[in-house]
Amino acid sequence: MGVASGIVLYMVFWFMTFLVALPIRIQTQGEAGKVVPGTHDGSPQKHHLKKKAVITTIVAAVLWAIAAYIIITGTITVRDIDMFNRMGEP
C-alpha cells in the first residue's frame, strides 16, 4: 500500500466513522425545551462535535491500522475472496 492509498483509506474510515457517530448523544431543541423560532424541534441543541471528532479520529486510526496490517501482510488477498474462480490460478 502506497502513501496516497493509505491516506485515502484513512479518510474513508474517518468519514464513515464520523457519519456513524454524528447522531449519537444529540440533545434536540425539543428535548431541551428551548425551541428557537423558525427551527424544527429536532434541531440539535448540543451536538458535541469536537468530542465526536476526537473519538472518530482514534477509532478510525485503530480501524485503519487493522486494515493496513491485513493489506500489507497479505493476510487476505483478492484471490481469497474470488468465490467463482474468475481470476484463474496464481
Protein backbone atom coordinates (compact mmCIF):
# COMPACT_ATOMS: atom_id res chain seq x y z
CA MET A 1 0.00 0.00 0.00
CA GLY A 2 1.40 3.37 -1.01
CA VAL A 3 1.31 6.57 1.00
CA ALA A 4 -1.52 8.11 -1.04
CA SER A 5 -3.69 4.99 -0.85
CA GLY A 6 -3.03 4.77 2.90
CA ILE A 7 -4.20 8.37 3.38
CA VAL A 8 -7.28 7.80 1.23
CA LEU A 9 -8.12 4.63 3.17
CA TYR A 10 -7.76 6.52 6.47
CA MET A 11 -10.02 9.33 5.24
CA VAL A 12 -12.66 6.80 4.16
CA PHE A 13 -12.56 5.20 7.61
CA TRP A 14 -12.65 8.63 9.28
CA PHE A 15 -15.69 9.90 7.37
CA MET A 16 -17.60 6.63 7.73
CA THR A 17 -16.93 6.59 11.48
CA PHE A 18 -17.86 10.28 11.80
CA LEU A 19 -21.17 9.74 10.00
CA VAL A 20 -21.94 6.88 12.38
CA ALA A 21 -21.01 8.99 15.42
CA LEU A 22 -22.96 12.12 14.44
CA PRO A 23 -26.41 11.06 15.68
CA ILE A 24 -25.09 9.65 18.98
CA ARG A 25 -25.93 11.68 22.14
CA ILE A 26 -27.54 14.62 20.37
CA GLN A 27 -29.82 16.71 22.56
CA THR A 28 -32.52 18.26 20.40
CA GLN A 29 -34.15 21.62 21.00
CA GLY A 30 -37.43 19.83 21.67
CA GLU A 31 -35.83 17.72 24.40
CA ALA A 32 -34.16 20.78 25.94
CA GLY A 33 -37.42 22.75 25.86
CA LYS A 34 -35.79 25.73 24.14
CA VAL A 35 -37.02 25.79 20.55
CA VAL A 36 -35.68 28.73 18.56
CA PRO A 37 -38.46 30.27 16.45
CA GLY A 38 -38.20 29.18 12.83
CA THR A 39 -36.36 25.94 13.58
CA HIS A 40 -37.56 22.36 13.90
CA ASP A 41 -37.96 20.65 17.27
CA GLY A 42 -35.43 18.04 16.13
CA SER A 43 -32.67 20.61 15.55
CA PRO A 44 -29.66 19.93 17.77
CA GLN A 45 -29.22 21.93 20.94
CA LYS A 46 -25.94 20.24 21.97
CA HIS A 47 -24.06 18.27 19.35
CA HIS A 48 -20.61 17.66 20.95
CA LEU A 49 -18.82 17.91 17.57
CA LYS A 50 -15.31 18.41 18.97
CA LYS A 51 -15.59 15.37 21.24
CA LYS A 52 -17.02 13.29 18.39
CA ALA A 53 -14.20 14.37 16.06
CA VAL A 54 -11.56 13.30 18.59
CA ILE A 55 -13.23 9.94 19.23
CA THR A 56 -13.70 9.45 15.50
CA THR A 57 -10.00 10.12 14.88
CA ILE A 58 -8.98 7.50 17.44
CA VAL A 59 -11.46 4.86 16.23
CA ALA A 60 -10.56 5.48 12.58
CA ALA A 61 -6.85 5.14 13.38
CA VAL A 62 -7.43 1.76 15.03
CA LEU A 63 -9.58 0.53 12.13
CA TRP A 64 -7.04 1.84 9.61
CA ALA A 65 -4.18 0.09 11.43
CA ILE A 66 -6.03 -3.22 11.30
CA ALA A 67 -6.89 -2.82 7.61
CA ALA A 68 -3.35 -1.66 6.74
CA TYR A 69 -1.86 -4.66 8.54
CA ILE A 70 -4.13 -7.03 6.62
CA ILE A 71 -3.32 -5.38 3.30
CA ILE A 72 0.45 -5.07 3.83
CA THR A 73 0.97 -8.60 5.16
CA GLY A 74 -1.30 -10.14 2.54
CA THR A 75 -3.37 -11.96 5.14
CA ILE A 76 -6.43 -11.57 2.93
CA THR A 77 -5.94 -11.06 -0.79
CA VAL A 78 -8.29 -10.54 -3.70
CA ARG A 79 -7.83 -14.19 -4.66
CA ASP A 80 -9.12 -15.24 -1.22
CA ILE A 81 -12.48 -13.63 -1.89
CA ASP A 82 -12.74 -14.85 -5.51
CA MET A 83 -15.59 -17.31 -4.93
CA PHE A 84 -16.25 -18.07 -8.61
CA ASN A 85 -12.57 -18.57 -9.59
CA ARG A 86 -12.74 -15.79 -12.19
CA MET A 87 -9.15 -14.77 -11.61
CA GLY A 88 -7.77 -18.19 -12.50
CA GLU A 89 -4.93 -19.96 -10.76
CA PRO A 90 -2.00 -17.87 -9.48
